[in-house]
Amino acid sequence: MTKIAFIGAGNMNGAIIGGLVKNGIAPKNIMVTNPSPAKREALSKQYNILNTADNLEAVAFADTIILGVKPHLIVEVCKNIADNVNIENKCFVSVAAGCLLTNIQQALQTNTAIVRTMPNTPAQVGLGMTGIFANEFVTAKQKANVESIIACTGQYIWLENEAGIDKVTAVSGSGPAYFFLFMEAMEKQAKALGFSTEESRLLVQQTAIGAASMVVNNPEVEIGQLRTNVTSKGGTTQAALLQFTDGKLPELVATAMNAAITRAQELANS
């Protein structure tokens, strides 16, 4: 198994580390670095992995480097690495939004293997969805290593071009918040209907889990058909759904997702 260094000790890197250890990757093959002793030592203690305050030590240790720092810091971090460490045959994987491959490539100052990913927060519970795009210098073996790492956090798809990253951002990257907003509104109304806080939460979360599970367990059935199957003509569900369609919910969802793409492009070019 490749040795993996995590630059940054934030939530996403922590989720990936947890997934790797849970799936049997030896902690001795994982190193995390962060300027904050508290953050990196917490991860080190939790998963029994190696830790350091020195990015250069971590990069020298690893074959695969996960860049989990803030997007505006990636270029600075990569320049420092390129100036001080032999990065030949190493693969860099960015989990940060809004930092283009060209910017990372220029900072690394060489034809380095680089992979951009767009994960989402359910990776923290092993149910993530990640879009992946690799530059032309990533070998088949390195792609396989990246797949094995990302698979520890959930599902993934390979993208044909880098522009796909922004589209994944609009669908699954930002997507959990869309569902949270809808669930939040349902929970609020459940309380207004007289259910307790605990009852409202249970009603909403179990309904969401059940609906998602029906989609997963019926791959041959279109999602629209699943909706139709529970919508009796003239019934309560139809009465509710008519309010959504009259309010142009499908069009609103499309507008929201396009806004996410536009913002992702703005961030990448800023």
C-alpha atoms as a PDB file:
ATOM      1  CA  MET A   1       0.000   0.000   0.000  1.00  0.00           C
ATOM      2  CA  THR A   2       1.190   3.486  -0.785  1.00  0.00           C
ATOM      3  CA  LYS A   3       2.269   5.769   2.032  1.00  0.00           C
ATOM      4  CA  ILE A   4      -0.069   8.727   2.394  1.00  0.00           C
ATOM      5  CA  ALA A   5       0.565  12.202   3.768  1.00  0.00           C
ATOM      6  CA  PHE A   6      -2.257  14.556   4.698  1.00  0.00           C
ATOM      7  CA  ILE A   7      -1.377  18.231   4.526  1.00  0.00           C
ATOM      8  CA  GLY A   8      -3.926  19.740   6.864  1.00  0.00           C
ATOM      9  CA  ALA A   9      -5.958  18.269   9.723  1.00  0.00           C
ATOM     10  CA  GLY A  10      -9.419  19.563   8.831  1.00  0.00           C
ATOM     11  CA  ASN A  11     -12.709  17.663   8.697  1.00  0.00           C
ATOM     12  CA  MET A  12     -12.295  16.263   5.186  1.00  0.00           C
ATOM     13  CA  ASN A  13      -8.779  14.969   5.739  1.00  0.00           C
ATOM     14  CA  GLY A  14      -9.952  13.559   9.057  1.00  0.00           C
ATOM     15  CA  ALA A  15     -12.830  11.778   7.320  1.00  0.00           C
ATOM     16  CA  ILE A  16     -10.491  10.214   4.761  1.00  0.00           C
ATOM     17  CA  ILE A  17      -8.020   9.143   7.448  1.00  0.00           C
ATOM     18  CA  GLY A  18     -10.821   7.545   9.435  1.00  0.00           C
ATOM     19  CA  GLY A  19     -12.023   5.686   6.362  1.00  0.00           C
ATOM     20  CA  LEU A  20      -8.549   4.416   5.544  1.00  0.00           C
ATOM     21  CA  VAL A  21      -7.925   3.067   9.046  1.00  0.00           C
ATOM     22  CA  LYS A  22     -11.413   1.545   9.233  1.00  0.00           C
ATOM     23  CA  ASN A  23     -10.700  -0.258   5.959  1.00  0.00           C
ATOM     24  CA  GLY A  24      -7.514  -1.798   7.262  1.00  0.00           C
ATOM     25  CA  ILE A  25      -4.797   0.586   6.084  1.00  0.00           C
ATOM     26  CA  ALA A  26      -1.865   0.402   8.501  1.00  0.00           C
ATOM     27  CA  PRO A  27      -1.626   3.620  10.562  1.00  0.00           C
ATOM     28  CA  LYS A  28       2.165   3.508  10.179  1.00  0.00           C
ATOM     29  CA  ASN A  29       1.634   4.302   6.481  1.00  0.00           C
ATOM     30  CA  ILE A  30      -0.317   7.487   7.217  1.00  0.00           C
ATOM     31  CA  MET A  31       1.085  10.841   8.328  1.00  0.00           C
ATOM     32  CA  VAL A  32      -0.782  14.074   9.008  1.00  0.00           C
ATOM     33  CA  THR A  33       0.723  17.521   9.227  1.00  0.00           C
ATOM     34  CA  ASN A  34      -0.723  20.744  10.580  1.00  0.00           C
ATOM     35  CA  PRO A  35       0.733  23.857  12.236  1.00  0.00           C
ATOM     36  CA  SER A  36      -1.693  23.364  15.136  1.00  0.00           C
ATOM     37  CA  PRO A  37      -0.380  20.684  17.518  1.00  0.00           C
ATOM     38  CA  ALA A  38      -3.854  20.156  18.966  1.00  0.00           C
ATOM     39  CA  LYS A  39      -5.455  19.284  15.619  1.00  0.00           C
ATOM     40  CA  ARG A  40      -2.808  16.942  14.286  1.00  0.00           C
ATOM     41  CA  GLU A  41      -2.182  15.261  17.634  1.00  0.00           C
ATOM     42  CA  ALA A  42      -5.907  14.655  18.081  1.00  0.00           C
ATOM     43  CA  LEU A  43      -6.017  12.782  14.770  1.00  0.00           C
ATOM     44  CA  SER A  44      -2.786  10.999  15.595  1.00  0.00           C
ATOM     45  CA  LYS A  45      -4.151   9.819  18.933  1.00  0.00           C
ATOM     46  CA  GLN A  46      -7.548   8.858  17.530  1.00  0.00           C
ATOM     47  CA  TYR A  47      -6.189   6.727  14.680  1.00  0.00           C
ATOM     48  CA  ASN A  48      -2.650   5.960  15.920  1.00  0.00           C
ATOM     49  CA  ILE A  49      -1.147   7.577  12.806  1.00  0.00           C
ATOM     50  CA  LEU A  50       2.076   9.551  12.455  1.00  0.00           C
ATOM     51  CA  ASN A  51       2.059  13.326  12.771  1.00  0.00           C
ATOM     52  CA  THR A  52       4.416  16.227  12.179  1.00  0.00           C
ATOM     53  CA  ALA A  53       4.412  20.013  11.971  1.00  0.00           C
ATOM     54  CA  ASP A  54       6.677  19.857   8.917  1.00  0.00           C
ATOM     55  CA  ASN A  55       5.035  19.612   5.499  1.00  0.00           C
ATOM     56  CA  LEU A  56       8.359  18.738   3.917  1.00  0.00           C
ATOM     57  CA  GLU A  57       8.843  15.756   6.227  1.00  0.00           C
ATOM     58  CA  ALA A  58       5.361  14.521   5.370  1.00  0.00           C
ATOM     59  CA  VAL A  59       5.890  14.840   1.606  1.00  0.00           C
ATOM     60  CA  ALA A  60       9.257  13.080   1.793  1.00  0.00           C
ATOM     61  CA  PHE A  61       7.577  10.251   3.712  1.00  0.00           C
ATOM     62  CA  ALA A  62       4.702   9.679   1.302  1.00  0.00           C
ATOM     63  CA  ASP A  63       3.946   8.537  -2.245  1.00  0.00           C
ATOM     64  CA  THR A  64       0.497  10.143  -2.256  1.00  0.00           C
ATOM     65  CA  ILE A  65      -0.050  13.595  -0.760  1.00  0.00           C
ATOM     66  CA  ILE A  66      -3.564  14.808   0.082  1.00  0.00           C
ATOM     67  CA  LEU A  67      -3.774  18.597  -0.053  1.00  0.00           C
ATOM     68  CA  GLY A  68      -6.425  19.481   2.483  1.00  0.00           C
ATOM     69  CA  VAL A  69      -5.497  23.087   3.243  1.00  0.00           C
ATOM     70  CA  LYS A  70      -7.580  26.172   2.475  1.00  0.00           C
ATOM     71  CA  PRO A  71      -7.703  26.871  -1.288  1.00  0.00           C
ATOM     72  CA  HIS A  72      -5.905  30.207  -0.984  1.00  0.00           C
ATOM     73  CA  LEU A  73      -2.979  28.474   0.751  1.00  0.00           C
ATOM     74  CA  ILE A  74      -2.440  25.609  -1.687  1.00  0.00           C
ATOM     75  CA  VAL A  75      -0.177  27.518  -4.086  1.00  0.00           C
ATOM     76  CA  GLU A  76       2.067  28.734  -1.260  1.00  0.00           C
ATOM     77  CA  VAL A  77       2.247  25.259   0.280  1.00  0.00           C
ATOM     78  CA  CYS A  78       3.045  23.615  -3.066  1.00  0.00           C
ATOM     79  CA  LYS A  79       5.763  26.144  -3.930  1.00  0.00           C
ATOM     80  CA  ASN A  80       7.489  25.458  -0.635  1.00  0.00           C
ATOM     81  CA  ILE A  81       7.301  21.717  -1.241  1.00  0.00           C
ATOM     82  CA  ALA A  82       8.651  21.965  -4.789  1.00  0.00           C
ATOM     83  CA  ASP A  83      11.560  24.127  -3.671  1.00  0.00           C
ATOM     84  CA  ASN A  84      12.666  21.757  -0.926  1.00  0.00           C
ATOM     85  CA  VAL A  85      11.631  18.153  -1.682  1.00  0.00           C
ATOM     86  CA  ASN A  86      12.183  15.766  -4.577  1.00  0.00           C
ATOM     87  CA  ILE A  87       8.604  15.175  -5.728  1.00  0.00           C
ATOM     88  CA  GLU A  88       9.367  12.946  -8.696  1.00  0.00           C
ATOM     89  CA  ASN A  89       6.957   9.997  -8.867  1.00  0.00           C
ATOM     90  CA  LYS A  90       4.719  11.459  -6.173  1.00  0.00           C
ATOM     91  CA  CYS A  91       1.008  12.062  -6.668  1.00  0.00           C
ATOM     92  CA  PHE A  92      -0.747  15.125  -5.239  1.00  0.00           C
ATOM     93  CA  VAL A  93      -4.483  14.977  -4.553  1.00  0.00           C
ATOM     94  CA  SER A  94      -6.408  18.190  -3.910  1.00  0.00           C
ATOM     95  CA  VAL A  95      -9.635  18.028  -1.907  1.00  0.00           C
ATOM     96  CA  ALA A  96     -10.037  21.817  -1.952  1.00  0.00           C
ATOM     97  CA  ALA A  97     -12.647  23.642  -4.007  1.00  0.00           C
ATOM     98  CA  GLY A  98     -11.732  26.507  -6.298  1.00  0.00           C
ATOM     99  CA  CYS A  99      -8.065  25.747  -7.002  1.00  0.00           C
ATOM    100  CA  LEU A 100      -7.385  24.829 -10.625  1.00  0.00           C
ATOM    101  CA  LEU A 101      -4.948  22.144 -11.733  1.00  0.00           C
ATOM    102  CA  THR A 102      -2.941  24.724 -13.650  1.00  0.00           C
ATOM    103  CA  ASN A 103      -2.350  26.730 -10.474  1.00  0.00           C
ATOM    104  CA  ILE A 104      -1.198  23.671  -8.556  1.00  0.00           C
ATOM    105  CA  GLN A 105       0.946  22.565 -11.507  1.00  0.00           C
ATOM    106  CA  GLN A 106       2.660  25.943 -11.750  1.00  0.00           C
ATOM    107  CA  ALA A 107       3.333  25.960  -8.026  1.00  0.00           C
ATOM    108  CA  LEU A 108       4.894  22.499  -8.129  1.00  0.00           C
ATOM    109  CA  GLN A 109       7.078  23.653 -11.051  1.00  0.00           C
ATOM    110  CA  THR A 110       7.212  20.276 -12.772  1.00  0.00           C
ATOM    111  CA  ASN A 111       5.186  17.682 -14.663  1.00  0.00           C
ATOM    112  CA  THR A 112       3.800  16.293 -11.438  1.00  0.00           C
ATOM    113  CA  ALA A 113       0.909  13.857 -11.170  1.00  0.00           C
ATOM    114  CA  ILE A 114      -2.040  15.840  -9.786  1.00  0.00           C
ATOM    115  CA  VAL A 115      -5.601  14.784  -9.065  1.00  0.00           C
ATOM    116  CA  ARG A 116      -8.455  17.167  -8.261  1.00  0.00           C
ATOM    117  CA  THR A 117     -11.348  15.819  -6.250  1.00  0.00           C
ATOM    118  CA  MET A 118     -14.663  17.216  -5.093  1.00  0.00           C
ATOM    119  CA  PRO A 119     -15.823  15.239  -2.041  1.00  0.00           C
ATOM    120  CA  ASN A 120     -18.737  16.080   0.222  1.00  0.00           C
ATOM    121  CA  THR A 121     -19.341  16.055   3.964  1.00  0.00           C
ATOM    122  CA  PRO A 122     -21.105  12.640   4.174  1.00  0.00           C
ATOM    123  CA  ALA A 123     -17.589  11.275   3.654  1.00  0.00           C
ATOM    124  CA  GLN A 124     -17.370  11.760   7.424  1.00  0.00           C
ATOM    125  CA  VAL A 125     -19.786   8.846   7.891  1.00  0.00           C
ATOM    126  CA  GLY A 126     -18.521   6.715   4.998  1.00  0.00           C
ATOM    127  CA  LEU A 127     -21.326   7.782   2.655  1.00  0.00           C
ATOM    128  CA  GLY A 128     -19.515  10.408   0.633  1.00  0.00           C
ATOM    129  CA  MET A 129     -19.763  11.117  -3.084  1.00  0.00           C
ATOM    130  CA  THR A 130     -16.630  12.342  -4.837  1.00  0.00           C
ATOM    131  CA  GLY A 131     -15.860  13.507  -8.357  1.00  0.00           C
ATOM    132  CA  ILE A 132     -12.275  12.878  -9.524  1.00  0.00           C
ATOM    133  CA  PHE A 133     -10.213  14.304 -12.375  1.00  0.00           C
ATOM    134  CA  ALA A 134      -6.562  13.527 -13.064  1.00  0.00           C
ATOM    135  CA  ASN A 135      -4.003  15.324 -15.217  1.00  0.00           C
ATOM    136  CA  GLU A 136      -2.067  13.540 -17.939  1.00  0.00           C
ATOM    137  CA  PHE A 137       0.880  12.745 -15.672  1.00  0.00           C
ATOM    138  CA  VAL A 138      -1.091  10.452 -13.334  1.00  0.00           C
ATOM    139  CA  THR A 139      -0.202   6.808 -13.977  1.00  0.00           C
ATOM    140  CA  ALA A 140      -2.604   3.876 -13.896  1.00  0.00           C
ATOM    141  CA  LYS A 141      -1.090   2.753 -10.601  1.00  0.00           C
ATOM    142  CA  GLN A 142      -1.528   6.203  -9.091  1.00  0.00           C
ATOM    143  CA  LYS A 143      -5.146   6.308 -10.257  1.00  0.00           C
ATOM    144  CA  ALA A 144      -5.731   2.966  -8.590  1.00  0.00           C
ATOM    145  CA  ASN A 145      -4.190   4.287  -5.367  1.00  0.00           C
ATOM    146  CA  VAL A 146      -6.416   7.368  -5.455  1.00  0.00           C
ATOM    147  CA  GLU A 147      -9.475   5.190  -6.072  1.00  0.00           C
ATOM    148  CA  SER A 148      -8.635   2.995  -3.076  1.00  0.00           C
ATOM    149  CA  ILE A 149      -8.265   6.075  -0.867  1.00  0.00           C
ATOM    150  CA  ILE A 150     -11.475   7.776  -1.985  1.00  0.00           C
ATOM    151  CA  ALA A 151     -13.444   4.515  -1.863  1.00  0.00           C
ATOM    152  CA  CYS A 152     -12.832   4.444   1.895  1.00  0.00           C
ATOM    153  CA  THR A 153     -15.178   7.439   2.221  1.00  0.00           C
ATOM    154  CA  GLY A 154     -18.008   6.295  -0.083  1.00  0.00           C
ATOM    155  CA  GLN A 155     -18.680   6.338  -3.826  1.00  0.00           C
ATOM    156  CA  TYR A 156     -16.838   8.169  -6.622  1.00  0.00           C
ATOM    157  CA  ILE A 157     -16.915   8.892 -10.344  1.00  0.00           C
ATOM    158  CA  TRP A 158     -14.074   9.795 -12.713  1.00  0.00           C
ATOM    159  CA  LEU A 159     -14.647  12.946 -14.744  1.00  0.00           C
ATOM    160  CA  GLU A 160     -13.725  13.474 -18.393  1.00  0.00           C
ATOM    161  CA  ASN A 161     -12.587  17.067 -17.882  1.00  0.00           C
ATOM    162  CA  GLU A 162     -11.791  19.481 -15.078  1.00  0.00           C
ATOM    163  CA  ALA A 163     -14.942  21.501 -15.725  1.00  0.00           C
ATOM    164  CA  GLY A 164     -16.811  18.503 -14.375  1.00  0.00           C
ATOM    165  CA  ILE A 165     -15.511  19.362 -10.903  1.00  0.00           C
ATOM    166  CA  ASP A 166     -17.714  22.480 -10.793  1.00  0.00           C
ATOM    167  CA  LYS A 167     -20.705  20.451 -11.947  1.00  0.00           C
ATOM    168  CA  VAL A 168     -20.089  17.841  -9.252  1.00  0.00           C
ATOM    169  CA  THR A 169     -19.873  20.712  -6.766  1.00  0.00           C
ATOM    170  CA  ALA A 170     -23.384  21.797  -7.760  1.00  0.00           C
ATOM    171  CA  VAL A 171     -24.828  18.288  -7.485  1.00  0.00           C
ATOM    172  CA  SER A 172     -23.130  16.411  -4.666  1.00  0.00           C
ATOM    173  CA  GLY A 173     -20.552  18.812  -3.246  1.00  0.00           C
ATOM    174  CA  SER A 174     -23.152  21.351  -2.132  1.00  0.00           C
ATOM    175  CA  GLY A 175     -26.007  18.862  -2.365  1.00  0.00           C
ATOM    176  CA  PRO A 176     -26.169  17.756   1.280  1.00  0.00           C
ATOM    177  CA  ALA A 177     -27.067  21.317   2.258  1.00  0.00           C
ATOM    178  CA  TYR A 178     -30.022  21.247  -0.140  1.00  0.00           C
ATOM    179  CA  PHE A 179     -31.423  18.199   1.604  1.00  0.00           C
ATOM    180  CA  PHE A 180     -30.664  19.666   5.042  1.00  0.00           C
ATOM    181  CA  LEU A 181     -32.619  22.803   4.121  1.00  0.00           C
ATOM    182  CA  PHE A 182     -35.603  20.742   2.990  1.00  0.00           C
ATOM    183  CA  MET A 183     -35.426  18.541   6.080  1.00  0.00           C
ATOM    184  CA  GLU A 184     -35.112  21.618   8.279  1.00  0.00           C
ATOM    185  CA  ALA A 185     -38.298  23.061   6.767  1.00  0.00           C
ATOM    186  CA  MET A 186     -40.134  19.750   7.271  1.00  0.00           C
ATOM    187  CA  GLU A 187     -38.951  19.534  10.864  1.00  0.00           C
ATOM    188  CA  LYS A 188     -40.099  23.092  11.565  1.00  0.00           C
ATOM    189  CA  GLN A 189     -43.563  22.363  10.206  1.00  0.00           C
ATOM    190  CA  ALA A 190     -43.763  19.069  12.101  1.00  0.00           C
ATOM    191  CA  LYS A 191     -43.188  21.040  15.314  1.00  0.00           C
ATOM    192  CA  ALA A 192     -45.873  23.511  14.248  1.00  0.00           C
ATOM    193  CA  LEU A 193     -48.227  20.552  13.856  1.00  0.00           C
ATOM    194  CA  GLY A 194     -47.682  19.672  17.499  1.00  0.00           C
ATOM    195  CA  PHE A 195     -44.953  17.039  17.446  1.00  0.00           C
ATOM    196  CA  SER A 196     -42.138  17.318  19.978  1.00  0.00           C
ATOM    197  CA  THR A 197     -38.596  18.234  18.946  1.00  0.00           C
ATOM    198  CA  GLU A 198     -37.519  14.600  19.253  1.00  0.00           C
ATOM    199  CA  GLU A 199     -40.551  13.293  17.380  1.00  0.00           C
ATOM    200  CA  SER A 200     -40.153  15.853  14.596  1.00  0.00           C
ATOM    201  CA  ARG A 201     -36.494  14.962  14.131  1.00  0.00           C
ATOM    202  CA  LEU A 202     -37.252  11.234  14.044  1.00  0.00           C
ATOM    203  CA  LEU A 203     -40.132  11.612  11.596  1.00  0.00           C
ATOM    204  CA  VAL A 204     -38.022  13.663   9.182  1.00  0.00           C
ATOM    205  CA  GLN A 205     -34.718  11.796   9.372  1.00  0.00           C
ATOM    206  CA  GLN A 206     -36.274   8.332   9.097  1.00  0.00           C
ATOM    207  CA  THR A 207     -38.357   9.446   6.130  1.00  0.00           C
ATOM    208  CA  ALA A 208     -35.222  10.793   4.427  1.00  0.00           C
ATOM    209  CA  ILE A 209     -33.262   7.617   5.145  1.00  0.00           C
ATOM    210  CA  GLY A 210     -36.124   5.467   3.888  1.00  0.00           C
ATOM    211  CA  ALA A 211     -36.574   7.446   0.677  1.00  0.00           C
ATOM    212  CA  ALA A 212     -32.834   7.392  -0.075  1.00  0.00           C
ATOM    213  CA  SER A 213     -32.686   3.656   0.639  1.00  0.00           C
ATOM    214  CA  MET A 214     -35.529   3.014  -1.797  1.00  0.00           C
ATOM    215  CA  VAL A 215     -33.523   4.802  -4.504  1.00  0.00           C
ATOM    216  CA  VAL A 216     -30.419   2.761  -3.676  1.00  0.00           C
ATOM    217  CA  ASN A 217     -32.270  -0.556  -3.531  1.00  0.00           C
ATOM    218  CA  ASN A 218     -34.216  -0.013  -6.767  1.00  0.00           C
ATOM    219  CA  PRO A 219     -31.551   1.030  -9.298  1.00  0.00           C
ATOM    220  CA  GLU A 220     -33.673  -0.136 -12.223  1.00  0.00           C
ATOM    221  CA  VAL A 221     -36.522   2.219 -11.274  1.00  0.00           C
ATOM    222  CA  GLU A 222     -36.296   5.898 -12.201  1.00  0.00           C
ATOM    223  CA  ILE A 223     -36.558   8.275  -9.281  1.00  0.00           C
ATOM    224  CA  GLY A 224     -39.532   9.924 -10.937  1.00  0.00           C
ATOM    225  CA  GLN A 225     -41.306   6.567 -11.015  1.00  0.00           C
ATOM    226  CA  LEU A 226     -40.658   6.030  -7.312  1.00  0.00           C
ATOM    227  CA  ARG A 227     -42.350   9.367  -6.720  1.00  0.00           C
ATOM    228  CA  THR A 228     -45.277   8.377  -8.910  1.00  0.00           C
ATOM    229  CA  ASN A 229     -45.619   5.075  -7.055  1.00  0.00           C
ATOM    230  CA  VAL A 230     -46.438   6.869  -3.793  1.00  0.00           C
ATOM    231  CA  THR A 231     -48.639   9.552  -5.363  1.00  0.00           C
ATOM    232  CA  SER A 232     -52.235   8.403  -5.531  1.00  0.00           C
ATOM    233  CA  LYS A 233     -54.459  10.446  -7.824  1.00  0.00           C
ATOM    234  CA  GLY A 234     -56.470  12.886  -5.752  1.00  0.00           C
ATOM    235  CA  GLY A 235     -54.651  11.849  -2.587  1.00  0.00           C
ATOM    236  CA  THR A 236     -52.709  13.646   0.134  1.00  0.00           C
ATOM    237  CA  THR A 237     -49.296  13.252  -1.505  1.00  0.00           C
ATOM    238  CA  GLN A 238     -50.556  14.701  -4.771  1.00  0.00           C
ATOM    239  CA  ALA A 239     -52.054  17.662  -2.895  1.00  0.00           C
ATOM    240  CA  ALA A 240     -48.678  18.373  -1.329  1.00  0.00           C
ATOM    241  CA  LEU A 241     -46.662  17.864  -4.516  1.00  0.00           C
ATOM    242  CA  LEU A 242     -48.899  20.231  -6.446  1.00  0.00           C
ATOM    243  CA  GLN A 243     -47.789  22.982  -4.088  1.00  0.00           C
ATOM    244  CA  PHE A 244     -44.162  22.244  -4.971  1.00  0.00           C
ATOM    245  CA  THR A 245     -44.763  22.178  -8.708  1.00  0.00           C
ATOM    246  CA  ASP A 246     -46.954  25.282  -8.603  1.00  0.00           C
ATOM    247  CA  GLY A 247     -44.101  26.960  -6.760  1.00  0.00           C
ATOM    248  CA  LYS A 248     -41.779  25.862  -9.573  1.00  0.00           C
ATOM    249  CA  LEU A 249     -39.561  23.741  -7.305  1.00  0.00           C
ATOM    250  CA  PRO A 250     -37.866  21.882 -10.223  1.00  0.00           C
ATOM    251  CA  GLU A 251     -36.965  25.193 -11.891  1.00  0.00           C
ATOM    252  CA  LEU A 252     -35.751  26.596  -8.551  1.00  0.00           C
ATOM    253  CA  VAL A 253     -33.487  23.577  -8.024  1.00  0.00           C
ATOM    254  CA  ALA A 254     -31.976  24.041 -11.493  1.00  0.00           C
ATOM    255  CA  THR A 255     -31.407  27.756 -10.825  1.00  0.00           C
ATOM    256  CA  ALA A 256     -29.758  27.000  -7.487  1.00  0.00           C
ATOM    257  CA  MET A 257     -27.432  24.380  -8.955  1.00  0.00           C
ATOM    258  CA  ASN A 258     -26.427  26.692 -11.804  1.00  0.00           C
ATOM    259  CA  ALA A 259     -25.678  29.397  -9.217  1.00  0.00           C
ATOM    260  CA  ALA A 260     -23.368  26.963  -7.447  1.00  0.00           C
ATOM    261  CA  ILE A 261     -21.508  26.286 -10.709  1.00  0.00           C
ATOM    262  CA  THR A 262     -21.146  29.999 -11.407  1.00  0.00           C
ATOM    263  CA  ARG A 263     -19.790  30.644  -7.941  1.00  0.00           C
ATOM    264  CA  ALA A 264     -17.338  27.748  -8.205  1.00  0.00           C
ATOM    265  CA  GLN A 265     -16.022  29.221 -11.461  1.00  0.00           C
ATOM    266  CA  GLU A 266     -15.690  32.664  -9.863  1.00  0.00           C
ATOM    267  CA  LEU A 267     -13.719  31.237  -6.960  1.00  0.00           C
ATOM    268  CA  ALA A 268     -11.415  29.332  -9.304  1.00  0.00           C
ATOM    269  CA  ASN A 269     -10.645  32.462 -11.313  1.00  0.00           C
ATOM    270  CA  SER A 270     -10.284  34.870  -8.413  1.00  0.00           C
END
